């Protein structure tokens, strides 16, 4: 697969994760479930999630809008490597913090690993 197409696939992956995170309030019933947490915990979880949405949208914008710069500049390659490491770390953290033998958990692990591979490929090819 050509490096440019892989960068676009990284953009699709990032956009998908942004949309998934935007649905967390509904999927995980945060309006109800977070009421049992302290105010600081509720705030931190929701703020961190909003910032992740921002990071994923930024990644998608960069992948769709500046693919050549990501592939041909030191800054772009550094960003791509950083995102690959982000997804590799998220994959490892999945086993540490969410060690459940459930299909959805395994599916998420595969999505995180896919992100690590997709973002690593352009700099490895």
Protein backbone atom coordinates (compact mmCIF):
# COMPACT_ATOMS: atom_id res chain seq x y z
CA UNK A 1 0.00 0.00 0.00
CA UNK A 2 1.34 3.41 -0.97
CA UNK A 3 2.42 5.68 1.88
CA UNK A 4 -0.01 8.44 0.86
CA UNK A 5 -2.95 6.00 1.00
CA UNK A 6 -1.79 4.84 4.43
CA UNK A 7 -1.74 8.43 5.71
CA UNK A 8 -5.31 8.84 4.46
CA UNK A 9 -6.23 5.59 6.24
CA UNK A 10 -4.69 7.12 9.40
CA UNK A 11 -7.03 10.07 8.89
CA UNK A 12 -10.05 7.79 8.59
CA UNK A 13 -8.96 5.91 11.73
CA UNK A 14 -8.53 9.18 13.65
CA UNK A 15 -11.88 10.55 12.50
CA UNK A 16 -13.58 7.30 13.52
CA UNK A 17 -12.06 7.46 17.00
CA UNK A 18 -13.12 11.10 17.36
CA UNK A 19 -16.71 10.18 16.51
CA UNK A 20 -16.58 7.18 18.87
CA UNK A 21 -15.35 9.38 21.73
CA UNK A 22 -18.03 11.98 20.96
CA UNK A 23 -20.60 9.24 21.62
CA UNK A 24 -19.18 8.30 25.05
CA UNK A 25 -21.79 10.29 26.95
CA UNK A 26 -24.54 8.18 25.37
CA UNK A 27 -22.71 4.84 25.06
CA UNK A 28 -21.50 4.77 28.66
CA UNK A 29 -24.48 6.68 30.10
CA UNK A 30 -22.12 9.24 31.62
CA UNK A 31 -24.95 11.61 32.58
CA UNK A 32 -26.14 8.89 34.97
CA UNK A 33 -23.06 6.79 35.71
CA UNK A 34 -20.70 9.66 36.50
CA UNK A 35 -23.08 11.06 39.13
CA UNK A 36 -21.64 8.55 41.62
CA UNK A 37 -18.14 9.97 41.09
CA UNK A 38 -16.76 13.05 42.79
CA UNK A 39 -17.04 16.37 40.95
CA UNK A 40 -13.28 16.48 40.17
CA UNK A 41 -13.36 12.92 38.78
CA UNK A 42 -16.43 13.71 36.63
CA UNK A 43 -14.78 16.85 35.33
CA UNK A 44 -11.43 15.20 34.60
CA UNK A 45 -12.98 12.28 32.72
CA UNK A 46 -15.15 14.52 30.55
CA UNK A 47 -12.46 17.13 29.92
CA UNK A 48 -9.89 14.45 29.04
CA UNK A 49 -12.37 12.89 26.63
CA UNK A 50 -13.07 16.26 24.97
CA UNK A 51 -9.33 16.84 24.59
CA UNK A 52 -8.92 13.37 23.03
CA UNK A 53 -11.63 14.24 20.53
CA UNK A 54 -9.63 17.37 19.71
CA UNK A 55 -6.40 15.36 19.27
CA UNK A 56 -8.10 12.82 17.00
CA UNK A 57 -9.73 15.55 14.89
CA UNK A 58 -6.39 17.33 14.59
CA UNK A 59 -4.78 14.06 13.48
CA UNK A 60 -7.49 13.59 10.85
CA UNK A 61 -7.08 17.18 9.59
CA UNK A 62 -3.31 16.73 9.31
CA UNK A 63 -3.62 13.37 7.56
CA UNK A 64 -6.22 14.61 5.05
CA UNK A 65 -4.89 18.14 4.60
CA UNK A 66 -1.11 17.74 4.82
CA UNK A 67 -0.19 14.17 3.86
CA UNK A 68 2.89 15.16 1.85
CA UNK A 69 4.24 17.26 4.72
CA UNK A 70 3.69 14.37 7.14
CA UNK A 71 5.64 12.06 4.86
CA UNK A 72 8.41 14.37 3.67
CA UNK A 73 9.42 16.52 6.63
CA UNK A 74 11.16 15.66 9.88
CA UNK A 75 8.34 17.33 11.81
CA UNK A 76 5.72 15.33 9.92
CA UNK A 77 7.52 12.02 10.40
CA UNK A 78 8.03 12.83 14.09
CA UNK A 79 4.30 13.49 14.43
CA UNK A 80 3.48 10.20 12.70
CA UNK A 81 5.88 8.28 14.95
CA UNK A 82 4.36 10.04 17.98
CA UNK A 83 0.88 8.91 16.94
CA UNK A 84 2.12 5.34 16.38
CA UNK A 85 3.55 5.38 19.91
CA UNK A 86 0.29 6.87 21.23
CA UNK A 87 -1.66 3.92 19.80
CA UNK A 88 0.93 1.36 20.89
CA UNK A 89 0.74 2.74 24.43
CA UNK A 90 -3.05 2.71 24.31
CA UNK A 91 -2.95 -0.94 23.23
CA UNK A 92 -0.70 -1.86 26.16
CA UNK A 93 -2.86 0.14 28.60
CA UNK A 94 -5.89 -1.81 27.39
CA UNK A 95 -4.40 -4.98 28.91
CA UNK A 96 -3.48 -3.21 32.15
CA UNK A 97 -6.68 -1.26 32.85
CA UNK A 98 -9.36 -3.24 31.00
CA UNK A 99 -8.47 -6.94 31.32
CA UNK A 100 -11.92 -8.25 30.40
CA UNK A 101 -12.54 -11.19 28.12
CA UNK A 102 -15.34 -9.52 26.17
CA UNK A 103 -15.78 -9.22 22.41
CA UNK A 104 -16.10 -5.41 22.52
CA UNK A 105 -12.89 -5.08 24.55
CA UNK A 106 -11.04 -7.31 22.06
CA UNK A 107 -12.48 -5.28 19.17
CA UNK A 108 -11.22 -2.06 20.75
CA UNK A 109 -7.80 -3.62 21.29
CA UNK A 110 -7.67 -4.48 17.58
CA UNK A 111 -8.67 -0.90 16.67
CA UNK A 112 -5.90 0.50 18.89
CA UNK A 113 -3.33 -1.92 17.44
CA UNK A 114 -4.50 -0.98 13.94
CA UNK A 115 -3.79 2.65 14.77
CA UNK A 116 -0.26 1.77 15.90
CA UNK A 117 0.39 -0.18 12.70
CA UNK A 118 -1.20 2.39 10.37
CA UNK A 119 0.76 5.28 11.83
CA UNK A 120 4.02 3.27 11.90
CA UNK A 121 3.82 2.07 8.30
CA UNK A 122 4.50 5.37 6.48
CA UNK A 123 7.82 5.85 8.27
CA UNK A 124 8.80 2.20 7.93
CA UNK A 125 8.15 1.93 4.18
